[in-house]
Structure formats: structure tokens, C-alpha cells
């Protein structure tokens, strides 16, 4: 990795993200062609596909030796994240939000080396909100990110938003936790989620976690960025792919957050494990909150195929 200029790669990704953002904003969700993959809630649009084609062309021209993994060109059982330097791309993360014109969708551009996320760029064009991270150089958030100097360009703020010594985490009763239903709506994985959601919300007197609040942003990348910013305490997900989490994972790590397995007991998880639990940066309490969350899941275990 020493011979890869991560800053230059980052700068290319930011430029590509802004171009993708313009394409997304130019689309009219009520008039574009929409199809489904797994089922009715697993949506793909012609804009997803057009954005990925543009991103692929731009990135392969800039860095032709890098491998490429994208959501819309993924082949089940064939496409793998290897140790090679790899662009990992989700052209529109939050497609359901996008087709409803709900302004929580983004382009997620990650780079992995040795199957570890080392650069992340996540851009929400509807809010002109940019998150970036480079391994060893921190992560940042910027509002009005695409505007010119003197015309509203926002300050680039280092994450987490609470500063270098973010507050310690308490227990679940004070935690703001993000969860997602995902596109698989039956079977054992779905049952694990439903039971965990119910137990998280239930009172302590009935054996629950009495969680402070549950949120669903509808985008894995934006969930991770909110966790990196310190706006969420935890984010639990099963069913995502590497392109959903690669960029946000780097941003989270550089903000002092951690990613562990979404299944109880595993403190290490792979980029393409498909089961994740993210915890914001904190001056204390990360380990304790993870263990409390795992206790809520109990013997449940999610298992997703590639």
C-alpha cells in the first residue's frame, strides 16, 4: 500500500462523487425505468446503472490497475473482494428513498487494500453533504460541499462532531440505534431481526433493552457516516454487501468508531461478511455496549450467502 497515493485516490473519488450527484439530481424518479432483483423492495433503476457505468469508466481511466466491485455488475458466487487494491462502489445507496424522492440517498465509493477499507467517500447530493475518510488521516464531514468558494462552501469538520474526546457510551437505554429491515422478509435471518427489534424496544421489566431510540435511514452508508459523526451510537445490519459498507467503514474507523460482527461473539468481521455492528467513537463504553447488544440477540445468528 506504500506505493498507492491514497490522497490522490481520495481526490479522484470526490470528483467522481460530485459528477454522480449531478446525474442523480437530474433524474426524475417518477419517470425513470425501475426494476427489481430479489423482490419488490430490492429495487434497481436506470439511474443506478447509468451512474455505475460513469463511475466505472472514470475510475478505470484514473487507476487502471485497480480491481472493481460494483453493485450493478455484481455476479453472485463469482464476484469477490480480493487482497488487490479494489474500488468498491454503490452508485445509489438508498434506492428506495431515491425513487420516493426521500432525500436520504447517496453514492458510496470505497477503496480496499488487503480486504481492508482505506479510503471512503460518501456523498448525499440531495443535501449536498459529503463524508470522506483516508486511513491514518482522519475523516470529515462537509455541508454545501459542491458549491464554489465564496458561494456557501461549508467548513470541513473533522469527525466525530463531538471533538477529540467524545462522550462515553452508556447502556442501551440511552443509545440511539439504527436498524434496517433489509430486502429479505422471511426465513431465519428475518426472524432474528424481528426478535431483536422487539427485544430492543421492550421494557427492562419484560426482559428488553428499553433502547433510547430506533432509527432507519434507509442507507447503510449514511447509517455508518451518522455513526462516525456521533449522531448514532450503534448501527446493526444483516444482508448488506461490501459496496454498502466499504466507504463508510473507513470513515467510521477514522472517527474512532469500531466495526464488529453483527452476530454475537466475533470482534473481527470481514468486509464482505454481510453482518455488521458499528459503534461510534467514544471515550469509553464501546466494548460494554457491544456486549449488551449481543446479549439482546442471544443465540440468534444471521447467515447470508454471497
C-alpha atoms as a PDB file:
ATOM      1  CA  UNK A   1       0.000   0.000   0.000  1.00  0.00           C
ATOM      2  CA  UNK A   2       3.005   2.268   0.439  1.00  0.00           C
ATOM      3  CA  UNK A   3       3.162   2.940  -3.302  1.00  0.00           C
ATOM      4  CA  UNK A   4      -0.513   3.984  -3.530  1.00  0.00           C
ATOM      5  CA  UNK A   5      -1.180   7.699  -3.154  1.00  0.00           C
ATOM      6  CA  UNK A   6      -4.353   7.462  -1.095  1.00  0.00           C
ATOM      7  CA  UNK A   7      -4.820  11.227  -1.121  1.00  0.00           C
ATOM      8  CA  UNK A   8      -4.830  11.270  -4.924  1.00  0.00           C
ATOM      9  CA  UNK A   9      -7.284   8.375  -4.998  1.00  0.00           C
ATOM     10  CA  UNK A  10      -9.475  10.232  -2.500  1.00  0.00           C
ATOM     11  CA  UNK A  11      -9.452  13.374  -4.630  1.00  0.00           C
ATOM     12  CA  UNK A  12     -10.493  11.393  -7.696  1.00  0.00           C
ATOM     13  CA  UNK A  13     -13.342   9.797  -5.764  1.00  0.00           C
ATOM     14  CA  UNK A  14     -14.622  13.174  -4.571  1.00  0.00           C
ATOM     15  CA  UNK A  15     -14.671  14.475  -8.147  1.00  0.00           C
ATOM     16  CA  UNK A  16     -16.488  11.344  -9.323  1.00  0.00           C
ATOM     17  CA  UNK A  17     -18.959  11.615  -6.436  1.00  0.00           C
ATOM     18  CA  UNK A  18     -19.906  15.159  -7.406  1.00  0.00           C
ATOM     19  CA  UNK A  19     -20.437  14.090 -11.030  1.00  0.00           C
ATOM     20  CA  UNK A  20     -22.585  11.191  -9.881  1.00  0.00           C
ATOM     21  CA  UNK A  21     -24.526  13.548  -7.644  1.00  0.00           C
ATOM     22  CA  UNK A  22     -25.375  15.769 -10.602  1.00  0.00           C
ATOM     23  CA  UNK A  23     -26.649  12.727 -12.512  1.00  0.00           C
ATOM     24  CA  UNK A  24     -28.791  11.638  -9.576  1.00  0.00           C
ATOM     25  CA  UNK A  25     -30.288  15.102  -9.109  1.00  0.00           C
ATOM     26  CA  UNK A  26     -31.014  15.387 -12.840  1.00  0.00           C
ATOM     27  CA  UNK A  27     -33.082  12.190 -12.810  1.00  0.00           C
ATOM     28  CA  UNK A  28     -36.832  12.310 -12.337  1.00  0.00           C
ATOM     29  CA  UNK A  29     -37.699   9.277 -10.155  1.00  0.00           C
ATOM     30  CA  UNK A  30     -41.329   9.342 -11.318  1.00  0.00           C
ATOM     31  CA  UNK A  31     -40.307   8.862 -14.955  1.00  0.00           C
ATOM     32  CA  UNK A  32     -37.253   6.597 -14.868  1.00  0.00           C
ATOM     33  CA  UNK A  33     -37.325   2.868 -15.570  1.00  0.00           C
ATOM     34  CA  UNK A  34     -37.376   0.725 -12.419  1.00  0.00           C
ATOM     35  CA  UNK A  35     -36.864  -2.997 -11.990  1.00  0.00           C
ATOM     36  CA  UNK A  36     -36.489  -5.414  -9.076  1.00  0.00           C
ATOM     37  CA  UNK A  37     -33.876  -8.010  -8.166  1.00  0.00           C
ATOM     38  CA  UNK A  38     -34.596 -10.224  -5.147  1.00  0.00           C
ATOM     39  CA  UNK A  39     -38.168  -8.985  -4.595  1.00  0.00           C
ATOM     40  CA  UNK A  40     -40.414  -5.915  -4.720  1.00  0.00           C
ATOM     41  CA  UNK A  41     -38.338  -3.972  -2.159  1.00  0.00           C
ATOM     42  CA  UNK A  42     -34.970  -4.781  -3.780  1.00  0.00           C
ATOM     43  CA  UNK A  43     -35.075  -2.059  -6.418  1.00  0.00           C
ATOM     44  CA  UNK A  44     -32.719  -1.067  -9.227  1.00  0.00           C
ATOM     45  CA  UNK A  45     -33.250   1.906 -11.531  1.00  0.00           C
ATOM     46  CA  UNK A  46     -31.764   3.008 -14.823  1.00  0.00           C
ATOM     47  CA  UNK A  47     -30.072   5.803 -12.854  1.00  0.00           C
ATOM     48  CA  UNK A  48     -28.230   3.271 -10.658  1.00  0.00           C
ATOM     49  CA  UNK A  49     -26.947   1.594 -13.794  1.00  0.00           C
ATOM     50  CA  UNK A  50     -26.011   4.813 -15.598  1.00  0.00           C
ATOM     51  CA  UNK A  51     -24.152   6.147 -12.569  1.00  0.00           C
ATOM     52  CA  UNK A  52     -22.189   2.919 -12.183  1.00  0.00           C
ATOM     53  CA  UNK A  53     -21.205   2.981 -15.863  1.00  0.00           C
ATOM     54  CA  UNK A  54     -19.896   6.533 -15.462  1.00  0.00           C
ATOM     55  CA  UNK A  55     -18.071   5.705 -12.222  1.00  0.00           C
ATOM     56  CA  UNK A  56     -16.516   2.586 -13.734  1.00  0.00           C
ATOM     57  CA  UNK A  57     -15.217   4.493 -16.756  1.00  0.00           C
ATOM     58  CA  UNK A  58     -13.812   7.360 -14.678  1.00  0.00           C
ATOM     59  CA  UNK A  59     -12.096   5.168 -12.115  1.00  0.00           C
ATOM     60  CA  UNK A  60     -10.648   2.682 -14.583  1.00  0.00           C
ATOM     61  CA  UNK A  61      -9.203   5.540 -16.588  1.00  0.00           C
ATOM     62  CA  UNK A  62      -7.642   7.123 -13.493  1.00  0.00           C
ATOM     63  CA  UNK A  63      -6.412   3.888 -11.862  1.00  0.00           C
ATOM     64  CA  UNK A  64      -6.398   1.087 -14.467  1.00  0.00           C
ATOM     65  CA  UNK A  65      -4.557  -1.419 -12.230  1.00  0.00           C
ATOM     66  CA  UNK A  66      -7.251  -1.418  -9.535  1.00  0.00           C
ATOM     67  CA  UNK A  67      -9.909  -4.114  -9.400  1.00  0.00           C
ATOM     68  CA  UNK A  68     -13.544  -3.029  -9.393  1.00  0.00           C
ATOM     69  CA  UNK A  69     -16.572  -4.323  -7.481  1.00  0.00           C
ATOM     70  CA  UNK A  70     -19.892  -2.590  -8.127  1.00  0.00           C
ATOM     71  CA  UNK A  71     -23.424  -3.391  -7.078  1.00  0.00           C
ATOM     72  CA  UNK A  72     -24.909  -3.328 -10.566  1.00  0.00           C
ATOM     73  CA  UNK A  73     -22.173  -5.529 -12.108  1.00  0.00           C
ATOM     74  CA  UNK A  74     -22.014  -7.996  -9.206  1.00  0.00           C
ATOM     75  CA  UNK A  75     -22.370 -11.668 -10.136  1.00  0.00           C
ATOM     76  CA  UNK A  76     -23.479 -13.942  -7.258  1.00  0.00           C
ATOM     77  CA  UNK A  77     -20.920 -16.623  -6.497  1.00  0.00           C
ATOM     78  CA  UNK A  78     -18.413 -15.046  -8.892  1.00  0.00           C
ATOM     79  CA  UNK A  79     -17.591 -11.504  -7.779  1.00  0.00           C
ATOM     80  CA  UNK A  80     -15.187 -11.412  -4.818  1.00  0.00           C
ATOM     81  CA  UNK A  81     -13.238  -8.795  -2.895  1.00  0.00           C
ATOM     82  CA  UNK A  82      -9.597  -9.901  -3.051  1.00  0.00           C
ATOM     83  CA  UNK A  83      -6.401  -8.561  -1.488  1.00  0.00           C
ATOM     84  CA  UNK A  84      -5.756  -6.416  -4.584  1.00  0.00           C
ATOM     85  CA  UNK A  85      -6.410  -2.664  -4.465  1.00  0.00           C
ATOM     86  CA  UNK A  86     -10.113  -2.506  -5.269  1.00  0.00           C
ATOM     87  CA  UNK A  87     -12.734   0.153  -5.892  1.00  0.00           C
ATOM     88  CA  UNK A  88     -15.969  -0.895  -4.168  1.00  0.00           C
ATOM     89  CA  UNK A  89     -18.920   1.109  -5.437  1.00  0.00           C
ATOM     90  CA  UNK A  90     -22.609   1.551  -4.727  1.00  0.00           C
ATOM     91  CA  UNK A  91     -23.961   4.014  -7.318  1.00  0.00           C
ATOM     92  CA  UNK A  92     -27.074   4.831  -5.288  1.00  0.00           C
ATOM     93  CA  UNK A  93     -27.250   3.555  -1.740  1.00  0.00           C
ATOM     94  CA  UNK A  94     -30.821   4.079  -0.603  1.00  0.00           C
ATOM     95  CA  UNK A  95     -32.556   3.387  -3.905  1.00  0.00           C
ATOM     96  CA  UNK A  96     -35.970   3.031  -2.257  1.00  0.00           C
ATOM     97  CA  UNK A  97     -35.512   6.502  -0.783  1.00  0.00           C
ATOM     98  CA  UNK A  98     -34.397   7.775  -4.185  1.00  0.00           C
ATOM     99  CA  UNK A  99     -37.464   6.507  -6.066  1.00  0.00           C
ATOM    100  CA  UNK A 100     -39.687   8.161  -3.445  1.00  0.00           C
ATOM    101  CA  UNK A 101     -37.694  11.430  -3.632  1.00  0.00           C
ATOM    102  CA  UNK A 102     -36.905  10.991   0.057  1.00  0.00           C
ATOM    103  CA  UNK A 103     -33.610  12.870   0.481  1.00  0.00           C
ATOM    104  CA  UNK A 104     -31.612  10.111   2.180  1.00  0.00           C
ATOM    105  CA  UNK A 105     -29.671   8.537  -0.672  1.00  0.00           C
ATOM    106  CA  UNK A 106     -26.023   8.739  -1.626  1.00  0.00           C
ATOM    107  CA  UNK A 107     -23.207   7.463  -3.757  1.00  0.00           C
ATOM    108  CA  UNK A 108     -20.765   5.303  -1.800  1.00  0.00           C
ATOM    109  CA  UNK A 109     -17.197   4.984  -3.123  1.00  0.00           C
ATOM    110  CA  UNK A 110     -14.707   2.879  -1.184  1.00  0.00           C
ATOM    111  CA  UNK A 111     -11.204   1.568  -1.736  1.00  0.00           C
ATOM    112  CA  UNK A 112      -9.946  -1.612  -0.106  1.00  0.00           C
ATOM    113  CA  UNK A 113      -6.379  -2.895   0.042  1.00  0.00           C
ATOM    114  CA  UNK A 114      -5.740  -6.286   1.568  1.00  0.00           C
ATOM    115  CA  UNK A 115      -9.509  -6.532   2.088  1.00  0.00           C
ATOM    116  CA  UNK A 116      -9.392  -3.550   4.450  1.00  0.00           C
ATOM    117  CA  UNK A 117     -11.127  -0.258   3.724  1.00  0.00           C
ATOM    118  CA  UNK A 118      -8.554   2.524   3.334  1.00  0.00           C
ATOM    119  CA  UNK A 119     -10.451   5.333   1.559  1.00  0.00           C
ATOM    120  CA  UNK A 120     -14.108   6.250   1.793  1.00  0.00           C
ATOM    121  CA  UNK A 121     -16.213   8.903   0.059  1.00  0.00           C
ATOM    122  CA  UNK A 122     -19.964   9.111   0.673  1.00  0.00           C
ATOM    123  CA  UNK A 123     -21.947  11.923  -0.928  1.00  0.00           C
ATOM    124  CA  UNK A 124     -25.644  12.748  -0.483  1.00  0.00           C
ATOM    125  CA  UNK A 125     -26.434  15.123  -3.373  1.00  0.00           C
ATOM    126  CA  UNK A 126     -29.930  15.959  -2.075  1.00  0.00           C
ATOM    127  CA  UNK A 127     -28.375  17.589   1.000  1.00  0.00           C
ATOM    128  CA  UNK A 128     -25.024  18.406  -0.668  1.00  0.00           C
ATOM    129  CA  UNK A 129     -23.434  16.568   2.253  1.00  0.00           C
ATOM    130  CA  UNK A 130     -20.026  14.929   1.839  1.00  0.00           C
ATOM    131  CA  UNK A 131     -18.274  12.450   4.140  1.00  0.00           C
ATOM    132  CA  UNK A 132     -14.679  11.421   3.499  1.00  0.00           C
ATOM    133  CA  UNK A 133     -12.001   9.350   5.169  1.00  0.00           C
ATOM    134  CA  UNK A 134      -8.414   8.260   4.457  1.00  0.00           C
ATOM    135  CA  UNK A 135      -6.648   5.625   6.530  1.00  0.00           C
ATOM    136  CA  UNK A 136      -4.384   7.365   9.045  1.00  0.00           C
ATOM    137  CA  UNK A 137      -5.579  10.851   8.093  1.00  0.00           C
ATOM    138  CA  UNK A 138      -8.964  11.104   9.795  1.00  0.00           C
ATOM    139  CA  UNK A 139     -12.474  11.500   8.472  1.00  0.00           C
ATOM    140  CA  UNK A 140     -14.504  14.616   7.733  1.00  0.00           C
ATOM    141  CA  UNK A 141     -17.964  15.953   7.023  1.00  0.00           C
ATOM    142  CA  UNK A 142     -18.707  18.937   4.806  1.00  0.00           C
ATOM    143  CA  UNK A 143     -22.026  20.665   4.125  1.00  0.00           C
ATOM    144  CA  UNK A 144     -22.687  22.583   0.882  1.00  0.00           C
ATOM    145  CA  UNK A 145     -19.775  20.522  -0.347  1.00  0.00           C
ATOM    146  CA  UNK A 146     -20.122  21.027  -4.093  1.00  0.00           C
ATOM    147  CA  UNK A 147     -20.538  24.811  -4.029  1.00  0.00           C
ATOM    148  CA  UNK A 148     -17.732  27.126  -5.060  1.00  0.00           C
ATOM    149  CA  UNK A 149     -15.581  29.100  -2.640  1.00  0.00           C
ATOM    150  CA  UNK A 150     -17.452  32.205  -1.530  1.00  0.00           C
ATOM    151  CA  UNK A 151     -20.803  30.762  -2.544  1.00  0.00           C
ATOM    152  CA  UNK A 152     -21.626  28.718   0.508  1.00  0.00           C
ATOM    153  CA  UNK A 153     -18.899  26.068   0.582  1.00  0.00           C
ATOM    154  CA  UNK A 154     -19.205  24.554   4.030  1.00  0.00           C
ATOM    155  CA  UNK A 155     -16.447  24.113   6.557  1.00  0.00           C
ATOM    156  CA  UNK A 156     -14.739  20.727   6.505  1.00  0.00           C
ATOM    157  CA  UNK A 157     -15.343  19.405  10.020  1.00  0.00           C
ATOM    158  CA  UNK A 158     -13.325  16.545  11.472  1.00  0.00           C
ATOM    159  CA  UNK A 159     -15.337  13.615  12.814  1.00  0.00           C
ATOM    160  CA  UNK A 160     -16.705  12.853  15.273  1.00  0.00           C
ATOM    161  CA  UNK A 161     -18.620  16.096  15.632  1.00  0.00           C
ATOM    162  CA  UNK A 162     -18.119  15.988  19.405  1.00  0.00           C
ATOM    163  CA  UNK A 163     -14.401  16.606  19.036  1.00  0.00           C
ATOM    164  CA  UNK A 164     -11.302  14.653  20.021  1.00  0.00           C
ATOM    165  CA  UNK A 165     -12.727  13.347  23.298  1.00  0.00           C
ATOM    166  CA  UNK A 166     -16.278  12.210  22.506  1.00  0.00           C
ATOM    167  CA  UNK A 167     -18.587  11.362  25.384  1.00  0.00           C
ATOM    168  CA  UNK A 168     -18.550   7.857  26.791  1.00  0.00           C
ATOM    169  CA  UNK A 169     -21.285   5.463  25.781  1.00  0.00           C
ATOM    170  CA  UNK A 170     -23.899   4.449  28.310  1.00  0.00           C
ATOM    171  CA  UNK A 171     -26.166   1.426  28.134  1.00  0.00           C
ATOM    172  CA  UNK A 172     -28.863   0.731  25.561  1.00  0.00           C
ATOM    173  CA  UNK A 173     -31.435   2.801  27.432  1.00  0.00           C
ATOM    174  CA  UNK A 174     -29.523   5.944  26.457  1.00  0.00           C
ATOM    175  CA  UNK A 175     -28.495   4.776  22.982  1.00  0.00           C
ATOM    176  CA  UNK A 176     -29.782   5.872  19.586  1.00  0.00           C
ATOM    177  CA  UNK A 177     -29.579   2.769  17.408  1.00  0.00           C
ATOM    178  CA  UNK A 178     -30.051   2.404  13.665  1.00  0.00           C
ATOM    179  CA  UNK A 179     -31.586  -0.779  12.262  1.00  0.00           C
ATOM    180  CA  UNK A 180     -32.826  -1.809   8.829  1.00  0.00           C
ATOM    181  CA  UNK A 181     -35.365  -4.395   7.723  1.00  0.00           C
ATOM    182  CA  UNK A 182     -33.438  -5.235   4.559  1.00  0.00           C
ATOM    183  CA  UNK A 183     -34.890  -6.841   1.452  1.00  0.00           C
ATOM    184  CA  UNK A 184     -35.177 -10.404   2.788  1.00  0.00           C
ATOM    185  CA  UNK A 185     -38.562 -10.545   4.541  1.00  0.00           C
ATOM    186  CA  UNK A 186     -38.831 -14.185   5.588  1.00  0.00           C
ATOM    187  CA  UNK A 187     -36.694 -17.030   6.856  1.00  0.00           C
ATOM    188  CA  UNK A 188     -34.315 -17.367   9.802  1.00  0.00           C
ATOM    189  CA  UNK A 189     -32.411 -14.127   9.207  1.00  0.00           C
ATOM    190  CA  UNK A 190     -35.646 -12.151   9.196  1.00  0.00           C
ATOM    191  CA  UNK A 191     -36.785 -13.906  12.365  1.00  0.00           C
ATOM    192  CA  UNK A 192     -33.534 -12.954  14.132  1.00  0.00           C
ATOM    193  CA  UNK A 193     -34.070  -9.316  13.188  1.00  0.00           C
ATOM    194  CA  UNK A 194     -37.713  -9.196  14.248  1.00  0.00           C
ATOM    195  CA  UNK A 195     -36.986 -10.773  17.621  1.00  0.00           C
ATOM    196  CA  UNK A 196     -34.056  -8.449  18.222  1.00  0.00           C
ATOM    197  CA  UNK A 197     -36.047  -5.346  17.214  1.00  0.00           C
ATOM    198  CA  UNK A 198     -38.843  -6.310  19.585  1.00  0.00           C
ATOM    199  CA  UNK A 199     -36.467  -7.036  22.451  1.00  0.00           C
ATOM    200  CA  UNK A 200     -34.522  -3.807  21.907  1.00  0.00           C
ATOM    201  CA  UNK A 201     -37.704  -1.782  22.210  1.00  0.00           C
ATOM    202  CA  UNK A 202     -39.231  -3.700  25.126  1.00  0.00           C
ATOM    203  CA  UNK A 203     -39.008  -2.523  28.740  1.00  0.00           C
ATOM    204  CA  UNK A 204     -36.286  -3.842  31.014  1.00  0.00           C
ATOM    205  CA  UNK A 205     -39.005  -5.231  33.279  1.00  0.00           C
ATOM    206  CA  UNK A 206     -40.086  -7.540  30.445  1.00  0.00           C
ATOM    207  CA  UNK A 207     -36.500  -8.542  29.630  1.00  0.00           C
ATOM    208  CA  UNK A 208     -35.879  -5.979  26.913  1.00  0.00           C
ATOM    209  CA  UNK A 209     -33.227  -3.358  26.349  1.00  0.00           C
ATOM    210  CA  UNK A 210     -35.518  -0.312  26.626  1.00  0.00           C
ATOM    211  CA  UNK A 211     -33.392   1.274  23.896  1.00  0.00           C
ATOM    212  CA  UNK A 212     -33.348   5.065  23.783  1.00  0.00           C
ATOM    213  CA  UNK A 213     -34.489   5.146  20.163  1.00  0.00           C
ATOM    214  CA  UNK A 214     -34.543   3.145  16.918  1.00  0.00           C
ATOM    215  CA  UNK A 215     -33.953   4.747  13.531  1.00  0.00           C
ATOM    216  CA  UNK A 216     -33.872   3.557   9.903  1.00  0.00           C
ATOM    217  CA  UNK A 217     -32.130   5.909   7.478  1.00  0.00           C
ATOM    218  CA  UNK A 218     -32.583   3.534   4.545  1.00  0.00           C
ATOM    219  CA  UNK A 219     -28.918   3.652   3.528  1.00  0.00           C
ATOM    220  CA  UNK A 220     -26.114   1.593   5.041  1.00  0.00           C
ATOM    221  CA  UNK A 221     -23.504   4.153   4.004  1.00  0.00           C
ATOM    222  CA  UNK A 222     -25.400   7.037   5.601  1.00  0.00           C
ATOM    223  CA  UNK A 223     -26.030   4.977   8.740  1.00  0.00           C
ATOM    224  CA  UNK A 224     -22.287   4.398   9.058  1.00  0.00           C
ATOM    225  CA  UNK A 225     -21.497   8.055   8.444  1.00  0.00           C
ATOM    226  CA  UNK A 226     -24.026   9.147  11.072  1.00  0.00           C
ATOM    227  CA  UNK A 227     -22.373   6.722  13.467  1.00  0.00           C
ATOM    228  CA  UNK A 228     -18.953   8.152  12.564  1.00  0.00           C
ATOM    229  CA  UNK A 229     -20.287  11.659  13.191  1.00  0.00           C
ATOM    230  CA  UNK A 230     -21.562  10.602  16.616  1.00  0.00           C
ATOM    231  CA  UNK A 231     -25.199  11.186  15.661  1.00  0.00           C
ATOM    232  CA  UNK A 232     -25.941   7.478  16.146  1.00  0.00           C
ATOM    233  CA  UNK A 233     -24.478   5.294  18.877  1.00  0.00           C
ATOM    234  CA  UNK A 234     -24.914   1.936  17.112  1.00  0.00           C
ATOM    235  CA  UNK A 235     -25.850   0.590  13.713  1.00  0.00           C
ATOM    236  CA  UNK A 236     -26.788  -3.085  13.302  1.00  0.00           C
ATOM    237  CA  UNK A 237     -27.285  -4.666   9.905  1.00  0.00           C
ATOM    238  CA  UNK A 238     -27.525  -8.037   8.244  1.00  0.00           C
ATOM    239  CA  UNK A 239     -27.792  -8.537   4.497  1.00  0.00           C
ATOM    240  CA  UNK A 240     -25.591  -5.708   3.248  1.00  0.00           C
ATOM    241  CA  UNK A 241     -22.804  -6.253   0.751  1.00  0.00           C
ATOM    242  CA  UNK A 242     -19.272  -4.869   0.677  1.00  0.00           C
ATOM    243  CA  UNK A 243     -20.325  -1.939  -1.531  1.00  0.00           C
ATOM    244  CA  UNK A 244     -22.829  -0.841   1.118  1.00  0.00           C
ATOM    245  CA  UNK A 245     -20.227  -0.595   3.878  1.00  0.00           C
ATOM    246  CA  UNK A 246     -16.738  -0.197   2.363  1.00  0.00           C
ATOM    247  CA  UNK A 247     -16.660   3.602   2.217  1.00  0.00           C
ATOM    248  CA  UNK A 248     -18.499   4.166   5.482  1.00  0.00           C
ATOM    249  CA  UNK A 249     -16.295   1.662   7.313  1.00  0.00           C
ATOM    250  CA  UNK A 250     -13.168   3.719   6.627  1.00  0.00           C
ATOM    251  CA  UNK A 251     -14.959   6.907   7.678  1.00  0.00           C
ATOM    252  CA  UNK A 252     -16.136   5.216  10.888  1.00  0.00           C
ATOM    253  CA  UNK A 253     -12.700   3.850  11.767  1.00  0.00           C
ATOM    254  CA  UNK A 254     -11.021   7.197  11.231  1.00  0.00           C
ATOM    255  CA  UNK A 255     -13.549   8.793  13.594  1.00  0.00           C
ATOM    256  CA  UNK A 256     -12.622   6.374  16.369  1.00  0.00           C
ATOM    257  CA  UNK A 257     -15.544   4.041  15.789  1.00  0.00           C
ATOM    258  CA  UNK A 258     -15.345   0.285  15.546  1.00  0.00           C
ATOM    259  CA  UNK A 259     -16.984  -2.389  13.420  1.00  0.00           C
ATOM    260  CA  UNK A 260     -17.598  -5.844  14.838  1.00  0.00           C
ATOM    261  CA  UNK A 261     -19.759  -8.734  13.745  1.00  0.00           C
ATOM    262  CA  UNK A 262     -23.496  -8.341  13.857  1.00  0.00           C
ATOM    263  CA  UNK A 263     -23.560 -11.887  15.211  1.00  0.00           C
ATOM    264  CA  UNK A 264     -22.678 -12.276  18.906  1.00  0.00           C
ATOM    265  CA  UNK A 265     -19.131 -13.099  19.924  1.00  0.00           C
ATOM    266  CA  UNK A 266     -16.984 -12.100  16.931  1.00  0.00           C
ATOM    267  CA  UNK A 267     -14.891  -8.971  17.482  1.00  0.00           C
ATOM    268  CA  UNK A 268     -13.427  -9.227  13.983  1.00  0.00           C
ATOM    269  CA  UNK A 269     -15.558  -9.205  10.845  1.00  0.00           C
ATOM    270  CA  UNK A 270     -14.692  -9.241   7.169  1.00  0.00           C
ATOM    271  CA  UNK A 271     -15.503  -6.542   4.643  1.00  0.00           C
ATOM    272  CA  UNK A 272     -17.845  -8.910   2.837  1.00  0.00           C
ATOM    273  CA  UNK A 273     -19.199 -10.725   5.908  1.00  0.00           C
ATOM    274  CA  UNK A 274     -22.683  -9.228   5.275  1.00  0.00           C
ATOM    275  CA  UNK A 275     -23.329  -8.970   9.040  1.00  0.00           C
ATOM    276  CA  UNK A 276     -22.167  -5.829  10.881  1.00  0.00           C
ATOM    277  CA  UNK A 277     -22.420  -3.893  14.121  1.00  0.00           C
ATOM    278  CA  UNK A 278     -20.943  -0.379  14.078  1.00  0.00           C
ATOM    279  CA  UNK A 279     -20.227   1.646  17.224  1.00  0.00           C
ATOM    280  CA  UNK A 280     -19.419   5.339  17.333  1.00  0.00           C
ATOM    281  CA  UNK A 281     -16.164   6.688  18.672  1.00  0.00           C
ATOM    282  CA  UNK A 282     -16.279   7.213  22.433  1.00  0.00           C
ATOM    283  CA  UNK A 283     -14.018   7.856  25.411  1.00  0.00           C
ATOM    284  CA  UNK A 284     -15.365   4.664  26.962  1.00  0.00           C
ATOM    285  CA  UNK A 285     -18.121   2.084  26.893  1.00  0.00           C
ATOM    286  CA  UNK A 286     -17.724   0.663  23.374  1.00  0.00           C
ATOM    287  CA  UNK A 287     -16.967  -2.893  24.490  1.00  0.00           C
ATOM    288  CA  UNK A 288     -19.683  -2.855  27.147  1.00  0.00           C
ATOM    289  CA  UNK A 289     -22.362  -1.607  24.746  1.00  0.00           C
ATOM    290  CA  UNK A 290     -21.430  -4.198  22.129  1.00  0.00           C
ATOM    291  CA  UNK A 291     -21.747  -6.961  24.699  1.00  0.00           C
ATOM    292  CA  UNK A 292     -25.099  -5.618  25.895  1.00  0.00           C
ATOM    293  CA  UNK A 293     -26.360  -5.528  22.307  1.00  0.00           C
ATOM    294  CA  UNK A 294     -25.096  -9.044  21.616  1.00  0.00           C
ATOM    295  CA  UNK A 295     -26.921 -10.195  24.742  1.00  0.00           C
ATOM    296  CA  UNK A 296     -30.157  -8.858  23.256  1.00  0.00           C
ATOM    297  CA  UNK A 297     -29.598 -11.001  20.141  1.00  0.00           C
ATOM    298  CA  UNK A 298     -28.848 -14.006  22.346  1.00  0.00           C
ATOM    299  CA  UNK A 299     -28.488 -17.255  20.423  1.00  0.00           C
ATOM    300  CA  UNK A 300     -29.696 -15.693  17.182  1.00  0.00           C
ATOM    301  CA  UNK A 301     -27.336 -15.777  14.223  1.00  0.00           C
ATOM    302  CA  UNK A 302     -27.737 -14.324  10.750  1.00  0.00           C
ATOM    303  CA  UNK A 303     -26.212 -16.119   7.794  1.00  0.00           C
ATOM    304  CA  UNK A 304     -26.245 -14.582   4.316  1.00  0.00           C
ATOM    305  CA  UNK A 305     -24.841 -16.138   1.153  1.00  0.00           C
ATOM    306  CA  UNK A 306     -22.703 -14.358  -1.435  1.00  0.00           C
END
